[in-house]
Amino acid sequence: DEPTGNLDPETSAGIMQLLLDISKSGRSVLMATHDYSLFNKFPSRTLK
């Protein structure tokens, strides 16, 4: 739930990559966010 909301852009990108890696290991990851800028860099299913 808004896991990058209190973080700077570089740190946020690192957290996003961690969550992506977790999903690649077979776990489902559902993330809520209002930060649209991050998702151009990370493949995900995006729902607005």
All heavy atoms as atom14 arrays in JSON, in Angstrom:
{
  "sequence": "DEPTGNLDPETSAGIMQLLLDISKSGRSVLMATHDYSLFNKFPSRTLK",
  "atom14_mask": [
    [1, 1, 1, 1, 1, 1, 1, 1, 0, 0, 0, 0, 0, 0],
    [1, 1, 1, 1, 1, 1, 1, 1, 1, 0, 0, 0, 0, 0],
    [1, 1, 1, 1, 1, 1, 1, 0, 0, 0, 0, 0, 0, 0],
    [1, 1, 1, 1, 1, 1, 1, 0, 0, 0, 0, 0, 0, 0],
    [1, 1, 1, 1, 0, 0, 0, 0, 0, 0, 0, 0, 0, 0],
    [1, 1, 1, 1, 1, 1, 1, 1, 0, 0, 0, 0, 0, 0],
    [1, 1, 1, 1, 1, 1, 1, 1, 0, 0, 0, 0, 0, 0],
    [1, 1, 1, 1, 1, 1, 1, 1, 0, 0, 0, 0, 0, 0],
    [1, 1, 1, 1, 1, 1, 1, 0, 0, 0, 0, 0, 0, 0],
    [1, 1, 1, 1, 1, 1, 1, 1, 1, 0, 0, 0, 0, 0],
    [1, 1, 1, 1, 1, 1, 1, 0, 0, 0, 0, 0, 0, 0],
    [1, 1, 1, 1, 1, 1, 0, 0, 0, 0, 0, 0, 0, 0],
    [1, 1, 1, 1, 1, 0, 0, 0, 0, 0, 0, 0, 0, 0],
    [1, 1, 1, 1, 0, 0, 0, 0, 0, 0, 0, 0, 0, 0],
    [1, 1, 1, 1, 1, 1, 1, 1, 0, 0, 0, 0, 0, 0],
    [1, 1, 1, 1, 1, 1, 1, 1, 0, 0, 0, 0, 0, 0],
    [1, 1, 1, 1, 1, 1, 1, 1, 1, 0, 0, 0, 0, 0],
    [1, 1, 1, 1, 1, 1, 1, 1, 0, 0, 0, 0, 0, 0],
    [1, 1, 1, 1, 1, 1, 1, 1, 0, 0, 0, 0, 0, 0],
    [1, 1, 1, 1, 1, 1, 1, 1, 0, 0, 0, 0, 0, 0],
    [1, 1, 1, 1, 1, 1, 1, 1, 0, 0, 0, 0, 0, 0],
    [1, 1, 1, 1, 1, 1, 1, 1, 0, 0, 0, 0, 0, 0],
    [1, 1, 1, 1, 1, 1, 0, 0, 0, 0, 0, 0, 0, 0],
    [1, 1, 1, 1, 1, 1, 1, 1, 1, 0, 0, 0, 0, 0],
    [1, 1, 1, 1, 1, 1, 0, 0, 0, 0, 0, 0, 0, 0],
    [1, 1, 1, 1, 0, 0, 0, 0, 0, 0, 0, 0, 0, 0],
    [1, 1, 1, 1, 1, 1, 1, 1, 1, 1, 1, 0, 0, 0],
    [1, 1, 1, 1, 1, 1, 0, 0, 0, 0, 0, 0, 0, 0],
    [1, 1, 1, 1, 1, 1, 1, 0, 0, 0, 0, 0, 0, 0],
    [1, 1, 1, 1, 1, 1, 1, 1, 0, 0, 0, 0, 0, 0],
    [1, 1, 1, 1, 1, 1, 1, 1, 0, 0, 0, 0, 0, 0],
    [1, 1, 1, 1, 1, 0, 0, 0, 0, 0, 0, 0, 0, 0],
    [1, 1, 1, 1, 1, 1, 1, 0, 0, 0, 0, 0, 0, 0],
    [1, 1, 1, 1, 1, 1, 1, 1, 1, 1, 0, 0, 0, 0],
    [1, 1, 1, 1, 1, 1, 1, 1, 0, 0, 0, 0, 0, 0],
    [1, 1, 1, 1, 1, 1, 1, 1, 1, 1, 1, 1, 0, 0],
    [1, 1, 1, 1, 1, 1, 0, 0, 0, 0, 0, 0, 0, 0],
    [1, 1, 1, 1, 1, 1, 1, 1, 0, 0, 0, 0, 0, 0],
    [1, 1, 1, 1, 1, 1, 1, 1, 1, 1, 1, 0, 0, 0],
    [1, 1, 1, 1, 1, 1, 1, 1, 0, 0, 0, 0, 0, 0],
    [1, 1, 1, 1, 1, 1, 1, 1, 1, 0, 0, 0, 0, 0],
    [1, 1, 1, 1, 1, 1, 1, 1, 1, 1, 1, 0, 0, 0],
    [1, 1, 1, 1, 1, 1, 1, 0, 0, 0, 0, 0, 0, 0],
    [1, 1, 1, 1, 1, 1, 0, 0, 0, 0, 0, 0, 0, 0],
    [1, 1, 1, 1, 1, 1, 1, 1, 1, 1, 1, 0, 0, 0],
    [1, 1, 1, 1, 1, 1, 1, 0, 0, 0, 0, 0, 0, 0],
    [1, 1, 1, 1, 1, 1, 1, 1, 0, 0, 0, 0, 0, 0],
    [1, 1, 1, 1, 1, 1, 1, 1, 1, 0, 0, 0, 0, 0]
  ],
  "atom14_positions": [
    [[0.85, -1.2, 0.0], [0.0, 0.0, 0.0], [0.88, 1.25, 0.0], [1.48, 1.59, 1.02], [-0.92, -0.01, 1.22], [-2.01, 1.05, 1.14], [-2.1, 1.73, 0.1], [-2.77, 1.19, 2.11], [0.0, 0.0, 0.0], [0.0, 0.0, 0.0], [0.0, 0.0, 0.0], [0.0, 0.0, 0.0], [0.0, 0.0, 0.0], [0.0, 0.0, 0.0]],
    [[1.0, 1.89, -1.15], [1.82, 3.1, -1.31], [3.23, 2.87, -0.75], [3.73, 3.67, 0.05], [1.16, 4.29, -0.61], [-0.21, 4.65, -1.14], [-0.17, 5.46, -2.44], [0.94, 5.7, -2.96], [-1.25, 5.83, -2.93], [0.0, 0.0, 0.0], [0.0, 0.0, 0.0], [0.0, 0.0, 0.0], [0.0, 0.0, 0.0], [0.0, 0.0, 0.0]],
    [[3.94, 1.81, -1.16], [5.23, 1.49, -0.53], [6.34, 2.47, -0.86], [7.39, 2.46, -0.21], [5.55, 0.1, -1.1], [4.88, 0.09, -2.43], [3.6, 0.85, -2.22], [0.0, 0.0, 0.0], [0.0, 0.0, 0.0], [0.0, 0.0, 0.0], [0.0, 0.0, 0.0], [0.0, 0.0, 0.0], [0.0, 0.0, 0.0], [0.0, 0.0, 0.0]],
    [[6.14, 3.33, -1.86], [7.17, 4.31, -2.23], [6.75, 5.73, -1.88], [7.43, 6.69, -2.24], [7.49, 4.24, -3.73], [6.31, 4.58, -4.48], [7.93, 2.84, -4.13], [0.0, 0.0, 0.0], [0.0, 0.0, 0.0], [0.0, 0.0, 0.0], [0.0, 0.0, 0.0], [0.0, 0.0, 0.0], [0.0, 0.0, 0.0], [0.0, 0.0, 0.0]],
    [[5.64, 5.87, -1.16], [5.07, 7.19, -0.93], [5.97, 8.14, -0.15], [5.88, 9.35, -0.31], [0.0, 0.0, 0.0], [0.0, 0.0, 0.0], [0.0, 0.0, 0.0], [0.0, 0.0, 0.0], [0.0, 0.0, 0.0], [0.0, 0.0, 0.0], [0.0, 0.0, 0.0], [0.0, 0.0, 0.0], [0.0, 0.0, 0.0], [0.0, 0.0, 0.0]],
    [[6.84, 7.61, 0.72], [7.7, 8.46, 1.54], [9.15, 8.44, 1.08], [10.05, 8.86, 1.82], [7.64, 8.0, 3.01], [6.28, 8.24, 3.63], [5.63, 9.23, 3.33], [5.84, 7.33, 4.48], [0.0, 0.0, 0.0], [0.0, 0.0, 0.0], [0.0, 0.0, 0.0], [0.0, 0.0, 0.0], [0.0, 0.0, 0.0], [0.0, 0.0, 0.0]],
    [[9.39, 7.96, -0.15], [10.76, 7.75, -0.61], [11.11, 8.64, -1.8], [10.23, 9.06, -2.56], [10.96, 6.28, -0.99], [10.57, 5.25, 0.09], [10.74, 3.84, -0.46], [11.4, 5.44, 1.36], [0.0, 0.0, 0.0], [0.0, 0.0, 0.0], [0.0, 0.0, 0.0], [0.0, 0.0, 0.0], [0.0, 0.0, 0.0], [0.0, 0.0, 0.0]],
    [[12.4, 8.9, -1.97], [12.85, 9.67, -3.12], [12.79, 8.81, -4.38], [12.67, 7.58, -4.3], [14.28, 10.18, -2.89], [15.28, 9.03, -2.74], [15.7, 8.46, -3.76], [15.62, 8.68, -1.59], [0.0, 0.0, 0.0], [0.0, 0.0, 0.0], [0.0, 0.0, 0.0], [0.0, 0.0, 0.0], [0.0, 0.0, 0.0], [0.0, 0.0, 0.0]],
    [[12.85, 9.45, -5.59], [12.66, 8.69, -6.84], [13.63, 7.52, -7.02], [13.22, 6.44, -7.46], [12.87, 9.76, -7.92], [12.46, 11.03, -7.26], [12.9, 10.9, -5.83], [0.0, 0.0, 0.0], [0.0, 0.0, 0.0], [0.0, 0.0, 0.0], [0.0, 0.0, 0.0], [0.0, 0.0, 0.0], [0.0, 0.0, 0.0], [0.0, 0.0, 0.0]],
    [[14.9, 7.72, -6.69], [15.88, 6.64, -6.88], [15.58, 5.46, -5.96], [15.6, 4.29, -6.39], [17.29, 7.16, -6.62], [18.37, 6.11, -6.86], [19.77, 6.65, -6.66], [19.91, 7.87, -6.42], [20.73, 5.86, -6.73], [0.0, 0.0, 0.0], [0.0, 0.0, 0.0], [0.0, 0.0, 0.0], [0.0, 0.0, 0.0], [0.0, 0.0, 0.0]],
    [[15.28, 5.75, -4.7], [14.95, 4.69, -3.75], [13.65, 4.01, -4.14], [13.51, 2.79, -4.03], [14.84, 5.27, -2.33], [16.06, 5.95, -2.0], [14.59, 4.16, -1.32], [0.0, 0.0, 0.0], [0.0, 0.0, 0.0], [0.0, 0.0, 0.0], [0.0, 0.0, 0.0], [0.0, 0.0, 0.0], [0.0, 0.0, 0.0], [0.0, 0.0, 0.0]],
    [[12.69, 4.81, -4.63], [11.41, 4.25, -5.07], [11.61, 3.24, -6.19], [10.98, 2.17, -6.21], [10.48, 5.37, -5.54], [10.14, 6.23, -4.48], [0.0, 0.0, 0.0], [0.0, 0.0, 0.0], [0.0, 0.0, 0.0], [0.0, 0.0, 0.0], [0.0, 0.0, 0.0], [0.0, 0.0, 0.0], [0.0, 0.0, 0.0], [0.0, 0.0, 0.0]],
    [[12.48, 3.57, -7.14], [12.75, 2.66, -8.25], [13.35, 1.35, -7.74], [13.02, 0.27, -8.25], [13.69, 3.32, -9.25], [0.0, 0.0, 0.0], [0.0, 0.0, 0.0], [0.0, 0.0, 0.0], [0.0, 0.0, 0.0], [0.0, 0.0, 0.0], [0.0, 0.0, 0.0], [0.0, 0.0, 0.0], [0.0, 0.0, 0.0], [0.0, 0.0, 0.0]],
    [[14.2, 1.43, -6.72], [14.77, 0.22, -6.14], [13.72, -0.66, -5.48], [13.76, -1.88, -5.6], [0.0, 0.0, 0.0], [0.0, 0.0, 0.0], [0.0, 0.0, 0.0], [0.0, 0.0, 0.0], [0.0, 0.0, 0.0], [0.0, 0.0, 0.0], [0.0, 0.0, 0.0], [0.0, 0.0, 0.0], [0.0, 0.0, 0.0], [0.0, 0.0, 0.0]],
    [[12.77, -0.03, -4.79], [11.69, -0.78, -4.14], [10.8, -1.43, -5.2], [10.38, -2.58, -5.06], [10.87, 0.14, -3.23], [11.74, 0.66, -2.07], [9.64, -0.58, -2.71], [12.34, -0.42, -1.19], [0.0, 0.0, 0.0], [0.0, 0.0, 0.0], [0.0, 0.0, 0.0], [0.0, 0.0, 0.0], [0.0, 0.0, 0.0], [0.0, 0.0, 0.0]],
    [[10.51, -0.69, -6.27], [9.71, -1.24, -7.36], [10.38, -2.47, -7.96], [9.72, -3.47, -8.27], [9.49, -0.19, -8.43], [8.57, 0.95, -8.02], [6.86, 0.44, -7.91], [6.52, 0.07, -9.62], [0.0, 0.0, 0.0], [0.0, 0.0, 0.0], [0.0, 0.0, 0.0], [0.0, 0.0, 0.0], [0.0, 0.0, 0.0], [0.0, 0.0, 0.0]],
    [[11.7, -2.41, -8.13], [12.43, -3.54, -8.7], [12.38, -4.74, -7.76], [12.22, -5.88, -8.21], [13.88, -3.15, -8.97], [14.68, -4.23, -9.68], [14.13, -4.56, -11.06], [13.96, -3.67, -11.89], [13.85, -5.83, -11.3], [0.0, 0.0, 0.0], [0.0, 0.0, 0.0], [0.0, 0.0, 0.0], [0.0, 0.0, 0.0], [0.0, 0.0, 0.0]],
    [[12.48, -4.49, -6.46], [12.37, -5.57, -5.49], [11.02, -6.28, -5.61], [10.95, -7.51, -5.62], [12.54, -5.03, -4.07], [13.95, -4.81, -3.55], [13.9, -4.17, -2.16], [14.73, -6.11, -3.5], [0.0, 0.0, 0.0], [0.0, 0.0, 0.0], [0.0, 0.0, 0.0], [0.0, 0.0, 0.0], [0.0, 0.0, 0.0], [0.0, 0.0, 0.0]],
    [[9.95, -5.5, -5.7], [8.61, -6.09, -5.82], [8.46, -6.86, -7.12], [7.82, -7.91, -7.17], [7.56, -4.99, -5.71], [7.46, -4.31, -4.34], [6.52, -3.12, -4.4], [6.99, -5.3, -3.27], [0.0, 0.0, 0.0], [0.0, 0.0, 0.0], [0.0, 0.0, 0.0], [0.0, 0.0, 0.0], [0.0, 0.0, 0.0], [0.0, 0.0, 0.0]],
    [[9.05, -6.33, -8.19], [9.02, -7.04, -9.47], [9.75, -8.38, -9.37], [9.28, -9.41, -9.86], [9.63, -6.18, -10.56], [9.71, -6.78, -11.97], [8.32, -7.14, -12.48], [10.41, -5.81, -12.93], [0.0, 0.0, 0.0], [0.0, 0.0, 0.0], [0.0, 0.0, 0.0], [0.0, 0.0, 0.0], [0.0, 0.0, 0.0], [0.0, 0.0, 0.0]],
    [[10.91, -8.38, -8.72], [11.68, -9.61, -8.55], [10.89, -10.63, -7.72], [10.94, -11.83, -7.99], [13.02, -9.31, -7.86], [13.96, -8.51, -8.76], [13.74, -8.47, -9.99], [14.91, -7.92, -8.21], [0.0, 0.0, 0.0], [0.0, 0.0, 0.0], [0.0, 0.0, 0.0], [0.0, 0.0, 0.0], [0.0, 0.0, 0.0], [0.0, 0.0, 0.0]],
    [[10.16, -10.14, -6.73], [9.34, -11.03, -5.9], [8.26, -11.71, -6.75], [8.0, -12.91, -6.63], [8.72, -10.25, -4.73], [9.8, -9.87, -3.72], [7.62, -11.06, -4.05], [9.36, -8.84, -2.7], [0.0, 0.0, 0.0], [0.0, 0.0, 0.0], [0.0, 0.0, 0.0], [0.0, 0.0, 0.0], [0.0, 0.0, 0.0], [0.0, 0.0, 0.0]],
    [[7.63, -10.94, -7.63], [6.6, -11.53, -8.49], [7.2, -12.56, -9.44], [6.58, -13.58, -9.74], [5.87, -10.43, -9.27], [6.67, -9.88, -10.28], [0.0, 0.0, 0.0], [0.0, 0.0, 0.0], [0.0, 0.0, 0.0], [0.0, 0.0, 0.0], [0.0, 0.0, 0.0], [0.0, 0.0, 0.0], [0.0, 0.0, 0.0], [0.0, 0.0, 0.0]],
    [[8.42, -12.32, -9.9], [9.08, -13.27, -10.79], [9.4, -14.58, -10.09], [9.6, -15.6, -10.74], [10.36, -12.65, -11.36], [10.11, -11.54, -12.38], [11.41, -10.95, -12.88], [11.17, -9.87, -13.93], [12.43, -9.24, -14.4], [0.0, 0.0, 0.0], [0.0, 0.0, 0.0], [0.0, 0.0, 0.0], [0.0, 0.0, 0.0], [0.0, 0.0, 0.0]],
    [[9.46, -14.54, -8.75], [9.72, -15.77, -8.0], [8.46, -16.6, -7.8], [8.5, -17.65, -7.16], [10.33, -15.42, -6.63], [9.35, -14.85, -5.77], [0.0, 0.0, 0.0], [0.0, 0.0, 0.0], [0.0, 0.0, 0.0], [0.0, 0.0, 0.0], [0.0, 0.0, 0.0], [0.0, 0.0, 0.0], [0.0, 0.0, 0.0], [0.0, 0.0, 0.0]],
    [[7.32, -16.11, -8.34], [6.08, -16.88, -8.3], [5.02, -16.37, -7.37], [3.9, -16.9, -7.34], [0.0, 0.0, 0.0], [0.0, 0.0, 0.0], [0.0, 0.0, 0.0], [0.0, 0.0, 0.0], [0.0, 0.0, 0.0], [0.0, 0.0, 0.0], [0.0, 0.0, 0.0], [0.0, 0.0, 0.0], [0.0, 0.0, 0.0], [0.0, 0.0, 0.0]],
    [[5.34, -15.32, -6.6], [4.32, -14.74, -5.72], [3.53, -13.69, -6.48], [4.05, -13.0, -7.35], [4.98, -14.1, -4.51], [5.77, -15.06, -3.62], [6.34, -14.29, -2.44], [7.17, -15.14, -1.6], [8.47, -15.28, -1.72], [9.09, -14.66, -2.72], [9.14, -16.06, -0.92], [0.0, 0.0, 0.0], [0.0, 0.0, 0.0], [0.0, 0.0, 0.0]],
    [[2.27, -13.55, -6.13], [1.46, -12.47, -6.69], [1.72, -11.2, -5.88], [1.81, -11.24, -4.65], [-0.03, -12.81, -6.62], [-0.28, -14.0, -7.34], [0.0, 0.0, 0.0], [0.0, 0.0, 0.0], [0.0, 0.0, 0.0], [0.0, 0.0, 0.0], [0.0, 0.0, 0.0], [0.0, 0.0, 0.0], [0.0, 0.0, 0.0], [0.0, 0.0, 0.0]],
    [[1.87, -10.07, -6.58], [2.1, -8.79, -5.93], [1.04, -7.81, -6.41], [0.86, -7.61, -7.61], [3.51, -8.23, -6.25], [3.68, -6.84, -5.63], [4.59, -9.18, -5.76], [0.0, 0.0, 0.0], [0.0, 0.0, 0.0], [0.0, 0.0, 0.0], [0.0, 0.0, 0.0], [0.0, 0.0, 0.0], [0.0, 0.0, 0.0], [0.0, 0.0, 0.0]],
    [[0.32, -7.22, -5.46], [-0.69, -6.22, -5.77], [-0.29, -4.94, -5.05], [-0.18, -4.91, -3.83], [-2.08, -6.68, -5.31], [-3.26, -5.84, -5.77], [-3.46, -5.98, -7.27], [-4.53, -6.26, -5.04], [0.0, 0.0, 0.0], [0.0, 0.0, 0.0], [0.0, 0.0, 0.0], [0.0, 0.0, 0.0], [0.0, 0.0, 0.0], [0.0, 0.0, 0.0]],
    [[-0.07, -3.9, -5.82], [0.45, -2.65, -5.27], [-0.51, -1.51, -5.55], [-0.99, -1.34, -6.68], [1.8, -2.34, -5.9], [2.38, -0.98, -5.52], [3.99, -0.73, -6.27], [4.28, 0.99, -5.82], [0.0, 0.0, 0.0], [0.0, 0.0, 0.0], [0.0, 0.0, 0.0], [0.0, 0.0, 0.0], [0.0, 0.0, 0.0], [0.0, 0.0, 0.0]],
    [[-0.82, -0.72, -4.52], [-1.64, 0.47, -4.68], [-0.73, 1.7, -4.64], [0.13, 1.79, -3.76], [-2.68, 0.55, -3.58], [0.0, 0.0, 0.0], [0.0, 0.0, 0.0], [0.0, 0.0, 0.0], [0.0, 0.0, 0.0], [0.0, 0.0, 0.0], [0.0, 0.0, 0.0], [0.0, 0.0, 0.0], [0.0, 0.0, 0.0], [0.0, 0.0, 0.0]],
    [[-0.94, 2.62, -5.56], [-0.1, 3.82, -5.59], [-0.81, 4.95, -6.33], [-1.71, 4.71, -7.13], [1.25, 3.54, -6.28], [2.08, 4.71, -6.22], [1.06, 3.13, -7.73], [0.0, 0.0, 0.0], [0.0, 0.0, 0.0], [0.0, 0.0, 0.0], [0.0, 0.0, 0.0], [0.0, 0.0, 0.0], [0.0, 0.0, 0.0], [0.0, 0.0, 0.0]],
    [[-0.4, 6.18, -6.02], [-0.87, 7.33, -6.79], [0.25, 7.9, -7.64], [0.08, 8.9, -8.32], [-1.4, 8.42, -5.84], [-0.34, 9.03, -4.97], [0.01, 8.5, -3.74], [0.47, 10.09, -5.16], [0.97, 9.23, -3.21], [1.28, 10.19, -4.05], [0.0, 0.0, 0.0], [0.0, 0.0, 0.0], [0.0, 0.0, 0.0], [0.0, 0.0, 0.0]],
    [[1.43, 7.25, -7.63], [2.61, 7.75, -8.34], [2.67, 7.12, -9.74], [3.17, 6.02, -9.92], [3.87, 7.42, -7.56], [5.11, 8.09, -8.13], [5.02, 8.64, -9.25], [6.16, 8.08, -7.46], [0.0, 0.0, 0.0], [0.0, 0.0, 0.0], [0.0, 0.0, 0.0], [0.0, 0.0, 0.0], [0.0, 0.0, 0.0], [0.0, 0.0, 0.0]],
    [[2.15, 7.84, -10.72], [2.08, 7.32, -12.08], [3.45, 7.27, -12.76], [3.64, 6.55, -13.74], [1.13, 8.18, -12.92], [-0.31, 8.12, -12.49], [-0.78, 8.93, -11.46], [-1.2, 7.24, -13.09], [-2.1, 8.86, -11.04], [-2.52, 7.16, -12.68], [-2.97, 7.99, -11.66], [-4.27, 7.92, -11.24], [0.0, 0.0, 0.0], [0.0, 0.0, 0.0]],
    [[4.41, 8.03, -12.27], [5.68, 8.17, -12.97], [6.51, 6.89, -12.95], [7.36, 6.67, -13.82], [6.5, 9.31, -12.35], [6.83, 9.02, -11.0], [0.0, 0.0, 0.0], [0.0, 0.0, 0.0], [0.0, 0.0, 0.0], [0.0, 0.0, 0.0], [0.0, 0.0, 0.0], [0.0, 0.0, 0.0], [0.0, 0.0, 0.0], [0.0, 0.0, 0.0]],
    [[6.28, 6.01, -11.95], [7.13, 4.85, -11.79], [6.88, 3.75, -12.82], [7.78, 3.0, -13.18], [6.94, 4.26, -10.39], [7.49, 5.08, -9.22], [7.01, 4.48, -7.91], [9.0, 5.12, -9.27], [0.0, 0.0, 0.0], [0.0, 0.0, 0.0], [0.0, 0.0, 0.0], [0.0, 0.0, 0.0], [0.0, 0.0, 0.0], [0.0, 0.0, 0.0]],
    [[5.65, 3.66, -13.32], [5.26, 2.44, -14.01], [5.66, 2.39, -15.48], [5.5, 1.37, -16.13], [3.76, 2.22, -13.84], [3.45, 1.74, -12.46], [3.17, 2.65, -11.46], [3.52, 0.41, -12.14], [2.92, 2.22, -10.18], [3.28, -0.03, -10.86], [2.98, 0.88, -9.88], [0.0, 0.0, 0.0], [0.0, 0.0, 0.0], [0.0, 0.0, 0.0]],
    [[6.21, 3.47, -16.0], [6.76, 3.41, -17.35], [8.02, 2.56, -17.39], [8.42, 2.08, -18.43], [7.06, 4.83, -17.86], [5.8, 5.63, -18.08], [4.76, 5.07, -18.41], [5.88, 6.93, -17.88], [0.0, 0.0, 0.0], [0.0, 0.0, 0.0], [0.0, 0.0, 0.0], [0.0, 0.0, 0.0], [0.0, 0.0, 0.0], [0.0, 0.0, 0.0]],
    [[8.66, 2.39, -16.22], [9.94, 1.69, -16.15], [9.8, 0.23, -15.75], [10.75, -0.53, -15.85], [10.85, 2.39, -15.13], [11.1, 3.86, -15.44], [11.92, 4.49, -14.32], [12.12, 5.98, -14.56], [12.86, 6.63, -13.46], [0.0, 0.0, 0.0], [0.0, 0.0, 0.0], [0.0, 0.0, 0.0], [0.0, 0.0, 0.0], [0.0, 0.0, 0.0]],
    [[8.61, -0.16, -15.3], [8.45, -1.5, -14.74], [7.26, -2.21, -15.37], [6.17, -1.67, -15.39], [8.27, -1.43, -13.22], [9.46, -0.85, -12.51], [9.53, 0.51, -12.25], [10.52, -1.66, -12.14], [10.62, 1.06, -11.61], [11.62, -1.12, -11.51], [11.67, 0.23, -11.24], [0.0, 0.0, 0.0], [0.0, 0.0, 0.0], [0.0, 0.0, 0.0]],
    [[7.49, -3.42, -15.9], [6.37, -4.17, -16.49], [5.41, -4.64, -15.41], [5.8, -5.29, -14.45], [7.08, -5.36, -17.16], [8.36, -5.52, -16.4], [8.76, -4.15, -15.96], [0.0, 0.0, 0.0], [0.0, 0.0, 0.0], [0.0, 0.0, 0.0], [0.0, 0.0, 0.0], [0.0, 0.0, 0.0], [0.0, 0.0, 0.0], [0.0, 0.0, 0.0]],
    [[4.16, -4.26, -15.54], [3.16, -4.68, -14.57], [1.79, -4.55, -15.21], [1.62, -3.9, -16.23], [3.22, -3.82, -13.3], [2.91, -2.47, -13.62], [0.0, 0.0, 0.0], [0.0, 0.0, 0.0], [0.0, 0.0, 0.0], [0.0, 0.0, 0.0], [0.0, 0.0, 0.0], [0.0, 0.0, 0.0], [0.0, 0.0, 0.0], [0.0, 0.0, 0.0]],
    [[0.83, -5.18, -14.6], [-0.56, -5.0, -14.99], [-1.05, -3.75, -14.29], [-1.04, -3.68, -13.06], [-1.36, -6.21, -14.54], [-2.79, -6.19, -15.0], [-2.92, -6.71, -16.41], [-4.29, -6.72, -16.86], [-4.66, -7.19, -18.04], [-3.76, -7.68, -18.86], [-5.92, -7.17, -18.39], [0.0, 0.0, 0.0], [0.0, 0.0, 0.0], [0.0, 0.0, 0.0]],
    [[-1.46, -2.75, -15.05], [-1.78, -1.45, -14.47], [-3.27, -1.16, -14.59], [-3.84, -1.23, -15.68], [-0.98, -0.33, -15.16], [0.4, -0.65, -15.11], [-1.21, 0.99, -14.45], [0.0, 0.0, 0.0], [0.0, 0.0, 0.0], [0.0, 0.0, 0.0], [0.0, 0.0, 0.0], [0.0, 0.0, 0.0], [0.0, 0.0, 0.0], [0.0, 0.0, 0.0]],
    [[-3.89, -0.86, -13.47], [-5.31, -0.57, -13.4], [-5.48, 0.8, -12.76], [-4.92, 1.06, -11.69], [-6.03, -1.63, -12.57], [-5.83, -3.06, -13.07], [-6.16, -4.05, -11.98], [-6.67, -3.31, -14.3], [0.0, 0.0, 0.0], [0.0, 0.0, 0.0], [0.0, 0.0, 0.0], [0.0, 0.0, 0.0], [0.0, 0.0, 0.0], [0.0, 0.0, 0.0]],
    [[-6.25, 1.65, -13.4], [-6.42, 3.03, -12.94], [-7.78, 3.2, -12.28], [-8.81, 2.98, -12.9], [-6.27, 3.99, -14.11], [-6.34, 5.46, -13.72], [-6.15, 6.33, -14.95], [-6.28, 7.81, -14.59], [-6.15, 8.66, -15.8], [0.0, 0.0, 0.0], [0.0, 0.0, 0.0], [0.0, 0.0, 0.0], [0.0, 0.0, 0.0], [0.0, 0.0, 0.0]]
  ]
}
